[in-house]
Amino acid sequence: MAGEDIFDAVEYTMNDTGTLLKSLRSVVTDGAPAILSEAQGFTGRMKIKVRDAGLPPISSVH
């Protein structure tokens, strides 16, 4: 799976379950390139989404 696919699946699940983006504080990953790429990875996409929503930055740990 590519980072975009993972991001889309997490975003869908958050919307489906009513989880609010403002509830997100950090992301923990296994360090795979599809996850960590700042431009195309899941972590980078999530940080951009949080930033664009005007929310405090999230931290990421791998």
C-alpha atoms as a PDB file:
ATOM      1  CA  MET A   1       0.000   0.000   0.000  1.00  0.00           C
ATOM      2  CA  ALA A   2       1.134   3.514  -0.735  1.00  0.00           C
ATOM      3  CA  GLY A   3       0.986   6.360   1.755  1.00  0.00           C
ATOM      4  CA  GLU A   4      -1.959   7.903  -0.084  1.00  0.00           C
ATOM      5  CA  ASP A   5      -3.947   4.665   0.210  1.00  0.00           C
ATOM      6  CA  ILE A   6      -3.240   4.410   3.931  1.00  0.00           C
ATOM      7  CA  PHE A   7      -4.148   8.060   4.455  1.00  0.00           C
ATOM      8  CA  ASP A   8      -7.415   7.611   2.533  1.00  0.00           C
ATOM      9  CA  ALA A   9      -8.321   4.532   4.606  1.00  0.00           C
ATOM     10  CA  VAL A  10      -7.611   6.304   7.908  1.00  0.00           C
ATOM     11  CA  GLU A  11      -9.487   9.423   6.808  1.00  0.00           C
ATOM     12  CA  TYR A  12     -12.476   7.289   5.747  1.00  0.00           C
ATOM     13  CA  THR A  13     -12.463   5.442   9.070  1.00  0.00           C
ATOM     14  CA  MET A  14     -12.230   8.682  11.058  1.00  0.00           C
ATOM     15  CA  ASN A  15     -15.201  10.094   9.137  1.00  0.00           C
ATOM     16  CA  ASP A  16     -17.167   6.857   9.411  1.00  0.00           C
ATOM     17  CA  THR A  17     -16.682   6.598  13.178  1.00  0.00           C
ATOM     18  CA  GLY A  18     -17.092  10.310  13.880  1.00  0.00           C
ATOM     19  CA  THR A  19     -13.535  10.658  15.180  1.00  0.00           C
ATOM     20  CA  LEU A  20     -12.611  14.325  15.148  1.00  0.00           C
ATOM     21  CA  LEU A  21      -9.323  15.432  13.622  1.00  0.00           C
ATOM     22  CA  LYS A  22      -8.812  17.744  16.598  1.00  0.00           C
ATOM     23  CA  SER A  23      -8.666  14.621  18.794  1.00  0.00           C
ATOM     24  CA  LEU A  24      -5.504  13.451  17.037  1.00  0.00           C
ATOM     25  CA  ARG A  25      -2.308  14.207  18.965  1.00  0.00           C
ATOM     26  CA  SER A  26       0.278  11.841  17.514  1.00  0.00           C
ATOM     27  CA  VAL A  27       0.892   9.109  14.953  1.00  0.00           C
ATOM     28  CA  VAL A  28       2.928   5.980  15.711  1.00  0.00           C
ATOM     29  CA  THR A  29       4.268   3.976  12.760  1.00  0.00           C
ATOM     30  CA  ASP A  30       6.658   1.165  11.884  1.00  0.00           C
ATOM     31  CA  GLY A  31       8.935   3.457   9.862  1.00  0.00           C
ATOM     32  CA  ALA A  32       8.091   2.129   6.387  1.00  0.00           C
ATOM     33  CA  PRO A  33       8.855   4.578   3.533  1.00  0.00           C
ATOM     34  CA  ALA A  34       5.156   4.704   2.500  1.00  0.00           C
ATOM     35  CA  ILE A  35       4.410   5.980   5.970  1.00  0.00           C
ATOM     36  CA  LEU A  36       7.245   8.422   6.578  1.00  0.00           C
ATOM     37  CA  SER A  37       7.671  10.313   3.305  1.00  0.00           C
ATOM     38  CA  GLU A  38       6.927  13.957   4.074  1.00  0.00           C
ATOM     39  CA  ALA A  39       5.563  14.611   0.594  1.00  0.00           C
ATOM     40  CA  GLN A  40       3.640  11.432  -0.188  1.00  0.00           C
ATOM     41  CA  GLY A  41       3.611   9.335   2.967  1.00  0.00           C
ATOM     42  CA  PHE A  42       0.804   8.904   5.447  1.00  0.00           C
ATOM     43  CA  THR A  43       2.526  10.922   8.170  1.00  0.00           C
ATOM     44  CA  GLY A  44       3.241  13.869   5.883  1.00  0.00           C
ATOM     45  CA  ARG A  45      -0.296  13.923   4.526  1.00  0.00           C
ATOM     46  CA  MET A  46      -1.775  13.769   8.022  1.00  0.00           C
ATOM     47  CA  LYS A  47       0.452  16.635   9.217  1.00  0.00           C
ATOM     48  CA  ILE A  48      -0.656  18.740   6.242  1.00  0.00           C
ATOM     49  CA  LYS A  49      -4.339  17.968   6.891  1.00  0.00           C
ATOM     50  CA  VAL A  50      -3.967  18.957  10.551  1.00  0.00           C
ATOM     51  CA  ARG A  51      -2.088  22.149   9.620  1.00  0.00           C
ATOM     52  CA  ASP A  52      -4.638  23.109   6.966  1.00  0.00           C
ATOM     53  CA  ALA A  53      -7.421  22.639   9.538  1.00  0.00           C
ATOM     54  CA  GLY A  54      -5.689  25.219  11.751  1.00  0.00           C
ATOM     55  CA  LEU A  55      -5.035  22.681  14.511  1.00  0.00           C
ATOM     56  CA  PRO A  56      -1.902  22.275  16.670  1.00  0.00           C
ATOM     57  CA  PRO A  57       0.798  20.145  15.026  1.00  0.00           C
ATOM     58  CA  ILE A  58       0.822  16.418  15.709  1.00  0.00           C
ATOM     59  CA  SER A  59       3.932  14.460  16.582  1.00  0.00           C
ATOM     60  CA  SER A  60       5.030  11.279  14.865  1.00  0.00           C
ATOM     61  CA  VAL A  61       7.029   8.412  16.318  1.00  0.00           C
ATOM     62  CA  HIS A  62       8.450   5.405  14.533  1.00  0.00           C
END
